[in-house]
Structures are given as C-alpha cells and as structure tokens.
Amino acid sequence: MCNCLGGCSCTSNSTALPIGNTGATGKTGAQGLYGGFSSDWTFSTSTGSGPGSTELRINSATYSSASIIYVSNVNASAVDLTAFLDSLYNNGQYGLIRLFKQSDSSAFFYAKLNSVVNNVTEIVLGITYIDSFSTFAASDSVVLTFSPSGAGASLVLYNNTTTVSTIGAGLDALMSYNIPANTLKTDDDVIEIDAIFECSGTIDKKQLAFRIGGINFITKIASGTLLLATGDKHVKVKIRLTRTSSTTLYVTIEMFKSSQFYIIGGLNVGYSFDETISGLSNLSTNTLSIACLGENSSWPSAASETIAQNQLLIRYFNK
C-alpha cells in the first residue's frame, strides 16, 4: 500500500476489499394518497337512498345495472363536501365518474354522470354505467374522482325522432321530455326546443299546444286554445327558454311554415304568448316538463286528418 501524502507518484499494488452481502429488503411503505378532483367515502352495500354520514352507495349490486350513486355530503374524514359534490354539475356539462378502492385501485367502477341532485344530506348522482372490475365490500374506503366534460356550443339533452300522431278530434299528447333538475341552474342558462310536425292533409283546422312546466304559455285570446297550425302541411317551431330567476323563464318563439318564417307576434290576429313564464317550481332543484300536443279540429269536416310530430330536439346552452 502506498503511504505517501500529496503529490505522490508511486503506484499502489493494493487489492480491493470484497463487497459484503446485500441486506434484507425494507418494509413496504404506506400507500400514497389519491390525486385528482377526488375524495373518499365509506362504501355501503345497501342499494337504497339515504346513505349514512360518510357513506357512498350504488343503487344496484349488479354494477352493470346501476343508474344512481348516493353520496353523503360528509366524506370519510367527516368534512362537509356539499360544495364539491354540487360542482360535479359542471354547468350542465357533467363528466365522468370513477370509483376505486383506496387500498386496491384494481377494483374500480366507471360511469358517465348525467344529473346531480342535492337532497340536503345526500347528493344523488344519476349515471350511465361504463365499466367495472371486482366489487367493493362493506366499509371499504372508496375514492370518488371526477373528470369534467369540456363546455361546447351546446349539449343535446334529448332527440326523439320516433313519430307520434294525434288520433281523431280533440287535443292529444305528442312528444314530451322532463329536463333534469339543476340543468337551468344559473341565470341566463338557455334551453332551445325544436319541434317538427307534419299534417296528413290541409282541410281540417289544426292547432299545436306547448306546455312548459305544465303551463300553457301560448294562448288564443278569449278562447283559451293554443298556438295554431292551420292548413299548412309542414311546420317547425323553435322555442328558446332563458332562465331569469330560479322560478322564471323568458321565452322567444319562432315558427316556420311551408318554408316561410314567422315571428309569433305577427303570426295571426288573436294569438299571443307570455314572454315570461313565472311561478315555476325551483329550476335548481326540480325537473322542468316540456310537452307538445296537437289538436285536429272537427270543423269544417269530421277530423279525419292527423298531426304527426316527427322530432323533438332539446339542447342546453350554459351561461
């Protein structure tokens, strides 16, 4: 071995010492915290509503049949997360839900979120099942994480193209739809309704009716009947509903008849509509019914013709 200090030019002939044996593997550390827009709850195997504080439930033990997730507004750490859960509404754009077991992320449940309803102590999430693996057991710590959908120009809520027709004389129900609660959650949010109709003939007098929240908002003065569709063969109606408060909508309407365009105010003498629909059930917490009806009058003939509704398209535009 060379024992010189600094500036030494000698060459060491020492031999390297042997490496010792590898030590035992250390204990596995605790699992890291989950990330994302998430929180954890205690899973309950009950499938009914009304989860206990800190609990989360799925409404079917067969996950592929599930349509609702019930979530306590208080998470597993006893923190009130009402604001977090309400925010999953995402201005009506909603998004995707993922549930997974905190101790084993291979156990998961994927779903598309369709509605968010605040029931004070629980939040009811309406969902469409996508996929899952394994199941959750009672008292499992389950993480709910949310991936929002991006806002687009509009969101189609409903598009029915299965034809429905009137039967004989009188007012008959055609197409209808209930807009989910919380859809019109913010003032200036908009619902657009496109309805397309076709008459079997042009002799009988005909009328169309539209009810928003059960209210007949288009009326014929003195008679109480609704928006006319006279002898025209083809009719398209566009109604735009704008939220101005939690119980009030502002309405505009356009009518297209046989390739001609009309504003309701100049449609025909004796017809009017309420530009404001008020007194509705709270739009933030209740559904809003949209109903289309048709009447094939008996004058001047025996009402052998029909009114067929070929489409009801409902779109949502957020503020």
C-alpha atoms as a PDB file:
ATOM      1  CA  MET A   1       0.000   0.000   0.000  1.00  0.00           C
ATOM      2  CA  CYS A   2       1.285   3.470  -0.842  1.00  0.00           C
ATOM      3  CA  ASN A   3       1.618   5.665   2.278  1.00  0.00           C
ATOM      4  CA  CYS A   4       2.799   8.909   0.737  1.00  0.00           C
ATOM      5  CA  LEU A   5       0.830  12.107   1.054  1.00  0.00           C
ATOM      6  CA  GLY A   6       0.001  14.582  -1.734  1.00  0.00           C
ATOM      7  CA  GLY A   7       1.959  14.662  -4.991  1.00  0.00           C
ATOM      8  CA  CYS A   8       2.876  11.027  -4.613  1.00  0.00           C
ATOM      9  CA  SER A   9       3.932   9.368  -7.841  1.00  0.00           C
ATOM     10  CA  CYS A  10       4.109   5.837  -6.615  1.00  0.00           C
ATOM     11  CA  THR A  11       1.763   3.125  -7.853  1.00  0.00           C
ATOM     12  CA  SER A  12      -0.411   1.255  -5.348  1.00  0.00           C
ATOM     13  CA  ASN A  13      -0.399  -2.525  -5.545  1.00  0.00           C
ATOM     14  CA  SER A  14      -3.235  -2.896  -3.045  1.00  0.00           C
ATOM     15  CA  THR A  15      -6.068  -5.354  -3.601  1.00  0.00           C
ATOM     16  CA  ALA A  16      -9.792  -4.170  -3.453  1.00  0.00           C
ATOM     17  CA  LEU A  17     -11.722  -5.396  -0.436  1.00  0.00           C
ATOM     18  CA  PRO A  18     -14.676  -7.773  -1.148  1.00  0.00           C
ATOM     19  CA  ILE A  19     -18.268  -6.392  -1.129  1.00  0.00           C
ATOM     20  CA  GLY A  20     -20.478  -7.623   1.690  1.00  0.00           C
ATOM     21  CA  ASN A  21     -23.803  -9.455   1.292  1.00  0.00           C
ATOM     22  CA  THR A  22     -26.930  -7.486   0.219  1.00  0.00           C
ATOM     23  CA  GLY A  23     -29.121  -6.524   3.162  1.00  0.00           C
ATOM     24  CA  ALA A  24     -32.733  -7.600   3.609  1.00  0.00           C
ATOM     25  CA  THR A  25     -35.452  -5.676   1.708  1.00  0.00           C
ATOM     26  CA  GLY A  26     -37.112  -2.997   3.830  1.00  0.00           C
ATOM     27  CA  LYS A  27     -40.812  -2.952   4.659  1.00  0.00           C
ATOM     28  CA  THR A  28     -43.241  -1.626   2.019  1.00  0.00           C
ATOM     29  CA  GLY A  29     -44.237   1.957   2.759  1.00  0.00           C
ATOM     30  CA  ALA A  30     -47.777   3.165   3.211  1.00  0.00           C
ATOM     31  CA  GLN A  31     -49.813   3.642   0.011  1.00  0.00           C
ATOM     32  CA  GLY A  32     -49.665   7.200  -1.301  1.00  0.00           C
ATOM     33  CA  LEU A  33     -52.669   9.498  -1.244  1.00  0.00           C
ATOM     34  CA  TYR A  34     -55.052   9.585  -4.194  1.00  0.00           C
ATOM     35  CA  GLY A  35     -54.932  12.592  -6.512  1.00  0.00           C
ATOM     36  CA  GLY A  36     -57.268  14.389  -8.896  1.00  0.00           C
ATOM     37  CA  PHE A  37     -60.583  16.105  -8.156  1.00  0.00           C
ATOM     38  CA  SER A  38     -61.472  13.494  -5.575  1.00  0.00           C
ATOM     39  CA  SER A  39     -62.449  12.496  -2.065  1.00  0.00           C
ATOM     40  CA  ASP A  40     -63.086   9.283  -0.151  1.00  0.00           C
ATOM     41  CA  TRP A  41     -66.181   7.766   1.444  1.00  0.00           C
ATOM     42  CA  THR A  42     -67.014   4.538   3.269  1.00  0.00           C
ATOM     43  CA  PHE A  43     -68.768   2.092   0.977  1.00  0.00           C
ATOM     44  CA  SER A  44     -72.168   0.721   1.966  1.00  0.00           C
ATOM     45  CA  THR A  45     -73.554  -2.387   0.282  1.00  0.00           C
ATOM     46  CA  SER A  46     -77.109  -1.092   0.741  1.00  0.00           C
ATOM     47  CA  THR A  47     -78.640  -0.112  -2.611  1.00  0.00           C
ATOM     48  CA  GLY A  48     -81.285   2.348  -1.356  1.00  0.00           C
ATOM     49  CA  SER A  49     -81.199   6.090  -0.926  1.00  0.00           C
ATOM     50  CA  GLY A  50     -80.302   7.824   2.336  1.00  0.00           C
ATOM     51  CA  PRO A  51     -76.677   6.797   2.976  1.00  0.00           C
ATOM     52  CA  GLY A  52     -75.401   7.385   6.488  1.00  0.00           C
ATOM     53  CA  SER A  53     -72.916  10.141   7.188  1.00  0.00           C
ATOM     54  CA  THR A  54     -69.578   9.400   5.396  1.00  0.00           C
ATOM     55  CA  GLU A  55     -71.201   6.664   3.247  1.00  0.00           C
ATOM     56  CA  LEU A  56     -71.432   6.082  -0.514  1.00  0.00           C
ATOM     57  CA  ARG A  57     -73.849   3.626  -2.152  1.00  0.00           C
ATOM     58  CA  ILE A  58     -74.549   2.275  -5.650  1.00  0.00           C
ATOM     59  CA  ASN A  59     -78.207   1.503  -6.400  1.00  0.00           C
ATOM     60  CA  SER A  60     -77.566  -2.000  -7.730  1.00  0.00           C
ATOM     61  CA  ALA A  61     -75.353  -4.818  -6.520  1.00  0.00           C
ATOM     62  CA  THR A  62     -75.038  -5.708 -10.221  1.00  0.00           C
ATOM     63  CA  TYR A  63     -72.866  -2.782 -11.248  1.00  0.00           C
ATOM     64  CA  SER A  64     -73.733  -3.012 -14.947  1.00  0.00           C
ATOM     65  CA  SER A  65     -77.374  -2.281 -13.996  1.00  0.00           C
ATOM     66  CA  ALA A  66     -76.550   0.717 -11.797  1.00  0.00           C
ATOM     67  CA  SER A  67     -78.077   4.108 -12.593  1.00  0.00           C
ATOM     68  CA  ILE A  68     -77.571   6.086  -9.366  1.00  0.00           C
ATOM     69  CA  ILE A  69     -74.787   6.737  -6.874  1.00  0.00           C
ATOM     70  CA  TYR A  70     -75.919   8.030  -3.469  1.00  0.00           C
ATOM     71  CA  VAL A  71     -73.223  10.064  -1.711  1.00  0.00           C
ATOM     72  CA  SER A  72     -73.347  11.502   1.799  1.00  0.00           C
ATOM     73  CA  ASN A  73     -72.491  15.188   1.809  1.00  0.00           C
ATOM     74  CA  VAL A  74     -69.954  14.331   4.543  1.00  0.00           C
ATOM     75  CA  ASN A  75     -66.857  12.379   3.467  1.00  0.00           C
ATOM     76  CA  ALA A  76     -64.877   9.714   5.342  1.00  0.00           C
ATOM     77  CA  SER A  77     -62.886  12.395   7.183  1.00  0.00           C
ATOM     78  CA  ALA A  78     -66.144  13.969   8.465  1.00  0.00           C
ATOM     79  CA  VAL A  79     -65.695  17.007   6.203  1.00  0.00           C
ATOM     80  CA  ASP A  80     -68.778  18.592   4.595  1.00  0.00           C
ATOM     81  CA  LEU A  81     -68.189  18.321   0.845  1.00  0.00           C
ATOM     82  CA  THR A  82     -71.559  19.597  -0.373  1.00  0.00           C
ATOM     83  CA  ALA A  83     -69.886  22.310  -2.469  1.00  0.00           C
ATOM     84  CA  PHE A  84     -67.539  19.757  -4.069  1.00  0.00           C
ATOM     85  CA  LEU A  85     -70.403  17.404  -4.941  1.00  0.00           C
ATOM     86  CA  ASP A  86     -72.621  20.218  -6.256  1.00  0.00           C
ATOM     87  CA  SER A  87     -69.772  21.304  -8.541  1.00  0.00           C
ATOM     88  CA  LEU A  88     -69.968  17.976 -10.409  1.00  0.00           C
ATOM     89  CA  TYR A  89     -72.917  19.566 -12.226  1.00  0.00           C
ATOM     90  CA  ASN A  90     -70.227  21.429 -14.219  1.00  0.00           C
ATOM     91  CA  ASN A  91     -72.655  23.981 -15.741  1.00  0.00           C
ATOM     92  CA  GLY A  92     -74.708  21.172 -17.222  1.00  0.00           C
ATOM     93  CA  GLN A  93     -71.727  19.603 -18.986  1.00  0.00           C
ATOM     94  CA  TYR A  94     -71.223  16.957 -16.265  1.00  0.00           C
ATOM     95  CA  GLY A  95     -68.381  14.496 -16.978  1.00  0.00           C
ATOM     96  CA  LEU A  96     -67.056  11.060 -15.989  1.00  0.00           C
ATOM     97  CA  ILE A  97     -67.053   9.401 -12.562  1.00  0.00           C
ATOM     98  CA  ARG A  98     -64.501   6.882 -11.335  1.00  0.00           C
ATOM     99  CA  LEU A  99     -64.852   4.952  -8.075  1.00  0.00           C
ATOM    100  CA  PHE A 100     -61.958   2.826  -6.839  1.00  0.00           C
ATOM    101  CA  LYS A 101     -60.973   1.014  -3.682  1.00  0.00           C
ATOM    102  CA  GLN A 102     -58.366   3.112  -1.910  1.00  0.00           C
ATOM    103  CA  SER A 103     -56.281   0.120  -0.826  1.00  0.00           C
ATOM    104  CA  ASP A 104     -56.515  -1.642  -4.205  1.00  0.00           C
ATOM    105  CA  SER A 105     -57.058   0.560  -7.271  1.00  0.00           C
ATOM    106  CA  SER A 106     -57.620  -2.519  -9.463  1.00  0.00           C
ATOM    107  CA  ALA A 107     -61.177  -2.624  -8.030  1.00  0.00           C
ATOM    108  CA  PHE A 108     -62.971   0.157  -9.923  1.00  0.00           C
ATOM    109  CA  PHE A 109     -66.295   1.424 -11.298  1.00  0.00           C
ATOM    110  CA  TYR A 110     -66.575   3.829 -14.278  1.00  0.00           C
ATOM    111  CA  ALA A 111     -69.682   5.796 -15.236  1.00  0.00           C
ATOM    112  CA  LYS A 112     -70.888   8.822 -17.163  1.00  0.00           C
ATOM    113  CA  LEU A 113     -72.551  11.461 -14.994  1.00  0.00           C
ATOM    114  CA  ASN A 114     -75.995  12.624 -16.177  1.00  0.00           C
ATOM    115  CA  SER A 115     -77.505  14.565 -13.258  1.00  0.00           C
ATOM    116  CA  VAL A 116     -76.682  15.989  -9.834  1.00  0.00           C
ATOM    117  CA  VAL A 117     -79.486  16.457  -7.279  1.00  0.00           C
ATOM    118  CA  ASN A 118     -78.857  17.908  -3.814  1.00  0.00           C
ATOM    119  CA  ASN A 119     -81.120  16.222  -1.234  1.00  0.00           C
ATOM    120  CA  VAL A 120     -79.679  18.147   1.745  1.00  0.00           C
ATOM    121  CA  THR A 121     -77.811  15.307   3.484  1.00  0.00           C
ATOM    122  CA  GLU A 122     -77.053  13.330   0.330  1.00  0.00           C
ATOM    123  CA  ILE A 123     -76.184  14.085  -3.272  1.00  0.00           C
ATOM    124  CA  VAL A 124     -77.882  11.852  -5.846  1.00  0.00           C
ATOM    125  CA  LEU A 125     -75.740  11.273  -8.924  1.00  0.00           C
ATOM    126  CA  GLY A 126     -77.601   9.984 -11.981  1.00  0.00           C
ATOM    127  CA  ILE A 127     -75.198   7.908 -14.056  1.00  0.00           C
ATOM    128  CA  THR A 128     -74.799   5.671 -17.087  1.00  0.00           C
ATOM    129  CA  TYR A 129     -72.618   2.636 -16.404  1.00  0.00           C
ATOM    130  CA  ILE A 130     -69.434   2.270 -18.475  1.00  0.00           C
ATOM    131  CA  ASP A 131     -67.214  -0.444 -16.957  1.00  0.00           C
ATOM    132  CA  SER A 132     -66.074  -2.046 -13.692  1.00  0.00           C
ATOM    133  CA  PHE A 133     -63.799  -4.697 -12.245  1.00  0.00           C
ATOM    134  CA  SER A 134     -64.278  -6.580  -8.980  1.00  0.00           C
ATOM    135  CA  THR A 135     -66.681  -5.236  -6.330  1.00  0.00           C
ATOM    136  CA  PHE A 136     -66.499  -3.151  -3.186  1.00  0.00           C
ATOM    137  CA  ALA A 137     -67.152  -4.667   0.232  1.00  0.00           C
ATOM    138  CA  ALA A 138     -68.955  -3.097   3.159  1.00  0.00           C
ATOM    139  CA  SER A 139     -66.826  -0.448   4.917  1.00  0.00           C
ATOM    140  CA  ASP A 140     -64.247  -0.309   2.118  1.00  0.00           C
ATOM    141  CA  SER A 141     -62.652   3.093   1.740  1.00  0.00           C
ATOM    142  CA  VAL A 142     -63.774   4.145  -1.744  1.00  0.00           C
ATOM    143  CA  VAL A 143     -62.471   7.163  -3.659  1.00  0.00           C
ATOM    144  CA  LEU A 144     -64.770   9.116  -5.968  1.00  0.00           C
ATOM    145  CA  THR A 145     -62.901  11.094  -8.605  1.00  0.00           C
ATOM    146  CA  PHE A 146     -64.376  13.327 -11.292  1.00  0.00           C
ATOM    147  CA  SER A 147     -63.235  14.223 -14.806  1.00  0.00           C
ATOM    148  CA  PRO A 148     -65.300  17.125 -16.225  1.00  0.00           C
ATOM    149  CA  SER A 149     -66.569  17.341 -19.782  1.00  0.00           C
ATOM    150  CA  GLY A 150     -65.483  20.441 -21.641  1.00  0.00           C
ATOM    151  CA  ALA A 151     -68.098  23.054 -22.459  1.00  0.00           C
ATOM    152  CA  GLY A 152     -69.219  23.034 -26.062  1.00  0.00           C
ATOM    153  CA  ALA A 153     -71.505  25.173 -28.169  1.00  0.00           C
ATOM    154  CA  SER A 154     -74.451  23.157 -26.910  1.00  0.00           C
ATOM    155  CA  LEU A 155     -75.389  19.933 -25.196  1.00  0.00           C
ATOM    156  CA  VAL A 156     -78.129  17.749 -26.662  1.00  0.00           C
ATOM    157  CA  LEU A 157     -80.405  16.664 -23.813  1.00  0.00           C
ATOM    158  CA  TYR A 158     -82.998  14.830 -25.897  1.00  0.00           C
ATOM    159  CA  ASN A 159     -83.575  13.953 -29.548  1.00  0.00           C
ATOM    160  CA  ASN A 160     -86.659  11.880 -30.305  1.00  0.00           C
ATOM    161  CA  THR A 161     -87.340  11.040 -33.962  1.00  0.00           C
ATOM    162  CA  THR A 162     -89.943   8.309 -33.442  1.00  0.00           C
ATOM    163  CA  THR A 163     -93.136   9.732 -34.948  1.00  0.00           C
ATOM    164  CA  VAL A 164     -96.164  10.279 -32.692  1.00  0.00           C
ATOM    165  CA  SER A 165     -99.565  11.242 -34.167  1.00  0.00           C
ATOM    166  CA  THR A 166    -102.890  12.633 -32.993  1.00  0.00           C
ATOM    167  CA  ILE A 167    -105.937  10.358 -33.044  1.00  0.00           C
ATOM    168  CA  GLY A 168    -109.175  11.872 -34.337  1.00  0.00           C
ATOM    169  CA  ALA A 169    -110.576  15.130 -32.971  1.00  0.00           C
ATOM    170  CA  GLY A 170    -109.548  16.721 -29.692  1.00  0.00           C
ATOM    171  CA  LEU A 171    -106.243  17.576 -28.051  1.00  0.00           C
ATOM    172  CA  ASP A 172    -103.767  14.682 -27.988  1.00  0.00           C
ATOM    173  CA  ALA A 173    -100.382  14.376 -26.305  1.00  0.00           C
ATOM    174  CA  LEU A 174     -97.453  14.143 -28.701  1.00  0.00           C
ATOM    175  CA  MET A 175     -93.800  14.212 -27.582  1.00  0.00           C
ATOM    176  CA  SER A 176     -92.596  15.314 -24.157  1.00  0.00           C
ATOM    177  CA  TYR A 177     -89.464  15.432 -22.037  1.00  0.00           C
ATOM    178  CA  ASN A 178     -88.533  16.317 -18.458  1.00  0.00           C
ATOM    179  CA  ILE A 179     -85.422  18.493 -18.310  1.00  0.00           C
ATOM    180  CA  PRO A 180     -83.353  17.213 -15.350  1.00  0.00           C
ATOM    181  CA  ALA A 181     -83.189  19.231 -12.157  1.00  0.00           C
ATOM    182  CA  ASN A 182     -80.206  21.608 -11.956  1.00  0.00           C
ATOM    183  CA  THR A 183     -79.931  21.905 -15.749  1.00  0.00           C
ATOM    184  CA  LEU A 184     -81.128  25.517 -15.657  1.00  0.00           C
ATOM    185  CA  LYS A 185     -79.052  26.228 -12.590  1.00  0.00           C
ATOM    186  CA  THR A 186     -77.694  29.689 -13.400  1.00  0.00           C
ATOM    187  CA  ASP A 187     -79.467  32.826 -14.616  1.00  0.00           C
ATOM    188  CA  ASP A 188     -79.038  33.251 -18.412  1.00  0.00           C
ATOM    189  CA  ASP A 189     -78.757  29.476 -18.970  1.00  0.00           C
ATOM    190  CA  VAL A 190     -80.768  28.557 -22.076  1.00  0.00           C
ATOM    191  CA  ILE A 191     -82.885  25.653 -23.323  1.00  0.00           C
ATOM    192  CA  GLU A 192     -83.701  25.509 -27.042  1.00  0.00           C
ATOM    193  CA  ILE A 193     -86.605  23.355 -28.271  1.00  0.00           C
ATOM    194  CA  ASP A 194     -87.034  22.362 -31.919  1.00  0.00           C
ATOM    195  CA  ALA A 195     -90.290  20.592 -32.773  1.00  0.00           C
ATOM    196  CA  ILE A 196     -91.169  19.368 -36.281  1.00  0.00           C
ATOM    197  CA  PHE A 197     -94.709  18.456 -37.350  1.00  0.00           C
ATOM    198  CA  GLU A 198     -96.378  17.119 -40.488  1.00  0.00           C
ATOM    199  CA  CYS A 199    -100.106  17.222 -41.229  1.00  0.00           C
ATOM    200  CA  SER A 200    -101.765  14.428 -43.204  1.00  0.00           C
ATOM    201  CA  GLY A 201    -103.955  16.929 -45.058  1.00  0.00           C
ATOM    202  CA  THR A 202    -104.766  20.609 -45.310  1.00  0.00           C
ATOM    203  CA  ILE A 203    -108.569  20.726 -44.986  1.00  0.00           C
ATOM    204  CA  ASP A 204    -109.223  20.293 -41.263  1.00  0.00           C
ATOM    205  CA  LYS A 205    -108.289  23.133 -38.940  1.00  0.00           C
ATOM    206  CA  LYS A 206    -105.376  22.249 -36.679  1.00  0.00           C
ATOM    207  CA  GLN A 207    -103.646  23.654 -33.646  1.00  0.00           C
ATOM    208  CA  LEU A 208    -100.489  22.944 -31.667  1.00  0.00           C
ATOM    209  CA  ALA A 209    -100.089  23.241 -27.918  1.00  0.00           C
ATOM    210  CA  PHE A 210     -96.898  23.707 -25.914  1.00  0.00           C
ATOM    211  CA  ARG A 211     -96.718  23.414 -22.152  1.00  0.00           C
ATOM    212  CA  ILE A 212     -93.671  24.439 -20.173  1.00  0.00           C
ATOM    213  CA  GLY A 213     -93.724  23.309 -16.557  1.00  0.00           C
ATOM    214  CA  GLY A 214     -97.395  22.422 -17.025  1.00  0.00           C
ATOM    215  CA  ILE A 215     -98.223  25.994 -18.064  1.00  0.00           C
ATOM    216  CA  ASN A 216     -99.965  26.799 -21.385  1.00  0.00           C
ATOM    217  CA  PHE A 217     -97.945  29.873 -22.237  1.00  0.00           C
ATOM    218  CA  ILE A 218     -99.206  30.394 -25.815  1.00  0.00           C
ATOM    219  CA  THR A 219    -102.881  31.339 -25.957  1.00  0.00           C
ATOM    220  CA  LYS A 220    -105.588  32.444 -28.335  1.00  0.00           C
ATOM    221  CA  ILE A 221    -107.291  35.439 -26.827  1.00  0.00           C
ATOM    222  CA  ALA A 222    -110.800  34.742 -25.467  1.00  0.00           C
ATOM    223  CA  SER A 223    -110.818  31.061 -26.418  1.00  0.00           C
ATOM    224  CA  GLY A 224    -108.035  29.592 -24.313  1.00  0.00           C
ATOM    225  CA  THR A 225    -106.786  27.458 -27.199  1.00  0.00           C
ATOM    226  CA  LEU A 226    -103.134  27.386 -28.151  1.00  0.00           C
ATOM    227  CA  LEU A 227    -100.741  28.107 -30.983  1.00  0.00           C
ATOM    228  CA  LEU A 228    -102.354  27.449 -34.332  1.00  0.00           C
ATOM    229  CA  ALA A 229    -101.065  25.308 -37.162  1.00  0.00           C
ATOM    230  CA  THR A 230    -103.740  25.949 -39.778  1.00  0.00           C
ATOM    231  CA  GLY A 231    -103.793  24.311 -43.192  1.00  0.00           C
ATOM    232  CA  ASP A 232    -100.042  24.064 -43.552  1.00  0.00           C
ATOM    233  CA  LYS A 233     -98.580  20.703 -44.394  1.00  0.00           C
ATOM    234  CA  HIS A 234     -95.212  21.129 -42.648  1.00  0.00           C
ATOM    235  CA  VAL A 235     -94.500  23.131 -39.503  1.00  0.00           C
ATOM    236  CA  LYS A 236     -91.367  23.689 -37.446  1.00  0.00           C
ATOM    237  CA  VAL A 237     -91.429  25.534 -34.128  1.00  0.00           C
ATOM    238  CA  LYS A 238     -88.376  26.802 -32.253  1.00  0.00           C
ATOM    239  CA  ILE A 239     -88.798  27.863 -28.626  1.00  0.00           C
ATOM    240  CA  ARG A 240     -85.974  29.424 -26.620  1.00  0.00           C
ATOM    241  CA  LEU A 241     -86.214  29.458 -22.813  1.00  0.00           C
ATOM    242  CA  THR A 242     -83.817  31.654 -20.841  1.00  0.00           C
ATOM    243  CA  ARG A 243     -83.638  31.425 -17.062  1.00  0.00           C
ATOM    244  CA  THR A 244     -84.042  34.841 -15.424  1.00  0.00           C
ATOM    245  CA  SER A 245     -84.565  33.550 -11.876  1.00  0.00           C
ATOM    246  CA  SER A 246     -84.973  30.210 -10.095  1.00  0.00           C
ATOM    247  CA  THR A 247     -88.730  30.262 -10.860  1.00  0.00           C
ATOM    248  CA  THR A 248     -88.917  32.340 -14.058  1.00  0.00           C
ATOM    249  CA  LEU A 249     -88.157  31.844 -17.751  1.00  0.00           C
ATOM    250  CA  TYR A 250     -88.045  34.377 -20.575  1.00  0.00           C
ATOM    251  CA  VAL A 251     -89.483  32.958 -23.813  1.00  0.00           C
ATOM    252  CA  THR A 252     -88.968  33.635 -27.511  1.00  0.00           C
ATOM    253  CA  ILE A 253     -90.632  31.596 -30.243  1.00  0.00           C
ATOM    254  CA  GLU A 254     -90.293  31.291 -33.998  1.00  0.00           C
ATOM    255  CA  MET A 255     -92.454  29.340 -36.416  1.00  0.00           C
ATOM    256  CA  PHE A 256     -91.532  28.050 -39.857  1.00  0.00           C
ATOM    257  CA  LYS A 257     -94.451  27.034 -42.079  1.00  0.00           C
ATOM    258  CA  SER A 258     -94.051  25.619 -45.579  1.00  0.00           C
ATOM    259  CA  SER A 259     -90.592  27.183 -45.927  1.00  0.00           C
ATOM    260  CA  GLN A 260     -91.830  30.575 -44.717  1.00  0.00           C
ATOM    261  CA  PHE A 261     -90.727  32.197 -41.495  1.00  0.00           C
ATOM    262  CA  TYR A 262     -92.996  33.895 -38.938  1.00  0.00           C
ATOM    263  CA  ILE A 263     -92.499  35.603 -35.604  1.00  0.00           C
ATOM    264  CA  ILE A 264     -95.305  34.665 -33.257  1.00  0.00           C
ATOM    265  CA  GLY A 265     -96.381  38.279 -32.758  1.00  0.00           C
ATOM    266  CA  GLY A 266     -97.263  38.587 -36.443  1.00  0.00           C
ATOM    267  CA  LEU A 267     -98.498  35.060 -36.891  1.00  0.00           C
ATOM    268  CA  ASN A 268    -102.205  35.798 -36.793  1.00  0.00           C
ATOM    269  CA  VAL A 269    -104.526  38.268 -35.129  1.00  0.00           C
ATOM    270  CA  GLY A 270    -105.912  36.968 -31.849  1.00  0.00           C
ATOM    271  CA  TYR A 271    -102.893  34.915 -30.782  1.00  0.00           C
ATOM    272  CA  SER A 272    -100.430  35.928 -28.094  1.00  0.00           C
ATOM    273  CA  PHE A 273     -97.890  34.353 -25.804  1.00  0.00           C
ATOM    274  CA  ASP A 274     -96.436  35.140 -22.426  1.00  0.00           C
ATOM    275  CA  GLU A 275     -92.867  36.352 -22.856  1.00  0.00           C
ATOM    276  CA  THR A 276     -92.279  35.483 -19.212  1.00  0.00           C
ATOM    277  CA  ILE A 277     -93.288  32.200 -17.590  1.00  0.00           C
ATOM    278  CA  SER A 278     -93.288  32.728 -13.839  1.00  0.00           C
ATOM    279  CA  GLY A 279     -94.324  30.731 -10.808  1.00  0.00           C
ATOM    280  CA  LEU A 280     -92.397  27.616 -11.847  1.00  0.00           C
ATOM    281  CA  SER A 281     -91.057  25.112  -9.350  1.00  0.00           C
ATOM    282  CA  ASN A 282     -87.473  25.938  -8.396  1.00  0.00           C
ATOM    283  CA  LEU A 283     -85.418  25.233 -11.533  1.00  0.00           C
ATOM    284  CA  SER A 284     -82.317  24.420  -9.500  1.00  0.00           C
ATOM    285  CA  THR A 285     -83.918  21.507  -7.668  1.00  0.00           C
ATOM    286  CA  ASN A 286     -86.870  20.366  -9.812  1.00  0.00           C
ATOM    287  CA  THR A 287     -87.345  18.927 -13.281  1.00  0.00           C
ATOM    288  CA  LEU A 288     -88.958  21.111 -15.959  1.00  0.00           C
ATOM    289  CA  SER A 289     -91.574  19.397 -18.123  1.00  0.00           C
ATOM    290  CA  ILE A 290     -91.756  20.132 -21.858  1.00  0.00           C
ATOM    291  CA  ALA A 291     -94.918  18.857 -23.572  1.00  0.00           C
ATOM    292  CA  CYS A 292     -96.095  19.109 -27.194  1.00  0.00           C
ATOM    293  CA  LEU A 293     -99.756  18.484 -28.071  1.00  0.00           C
ATOM    294  CA  GLY A 294    -101.812  18.598 -31.249  1.00  0.00           C
ATOM    295  CA  GLU A 295    -105.484  19.192 -31.940  1.00  0.00           C
ATOM    296  CA  ASN A 296    -107.224  18.208 -35.153  1.00  0.00           C
ATOM    297  CA  SER A 297    -110.464  20.200 -35.014  1.00  0.00           C
ATOM    298  CA  SER A 298    -113.814  18.892 -36.230  1.00  0.00           C
ATOM    299  CA  TRP A 299    -114.551  21.940 -38.307  1.00  0.00           C
ATOM    300  CA  PRO A 300    -115.317  22.021 -41.165  1.00  0.00           C
ATOM    301  CA  SER A 301    -115.019  18.242 -41.652  1.00  0.00           C
ATOM    302  CA  ALA A 302    -115.098  15.167 -39.463  1.00  0.00           C
ATOM    303  CA  ALA A 303    -111.460  15.450 -38.360  1.00  0.00           C
ATOM    304  CA  SER A 304    -110.147  12.539 -40.373  1.00  0.00           C
ATOM    305  CA  GLU A 305    -106.703  14.140 -40.714  1.00  0.00           C
ATOM    306  CA  THR A 306    -103.844  13.867 -38.249  1.00  0.00           C
ATOM    307  CA  ILE A 307    -100.918  15.873 -36.927  1.00  0.00           C
ATOM    308  CA  ALA A 308     -97.713  13.868 -36.681  1.00  0.00           C
ATOM    309  CA  GLN A 309     -94.742  15.056 -34.630  1.00  0.00           C
ATOM    310  CA  ASN A 310     -91.575  13.806 -36.306  1.00  0.00           C
ATOM    311  CA  GLN A 311     -88.957  15.235 -33.964  1.00  0.00           C
ATOM    312  CA  LEU A 312     -88.407  16.837 -30.579  1.00  0.00           C
ATOM    313  CA  LEU A 313     -84.857  18.134 -30.162  1.00  0.00           C
ATOM    314  CA  ILE A 314     -83.876  19.799 -26.872  1.00  0.00           C
ATOM    315  CA  ARG A 315     -80.486  21.438 -26.367  1.00  0.00           C
ATOM    316  CA  TYR A 316     -78.860  23.193 -23.439  1.00  0.00           C
ATOM    317  CA  PHE A 317     -76.572  26.226 -23.592  1.00  0.00           C
ATOM    318  CA  ASN A 318     -74.799  27.290 -20.402  1.00  0.00           C
ATOM    319  CA  LYS A 319     -74.136  30.894 -19.443  1.00  0.00           C
END
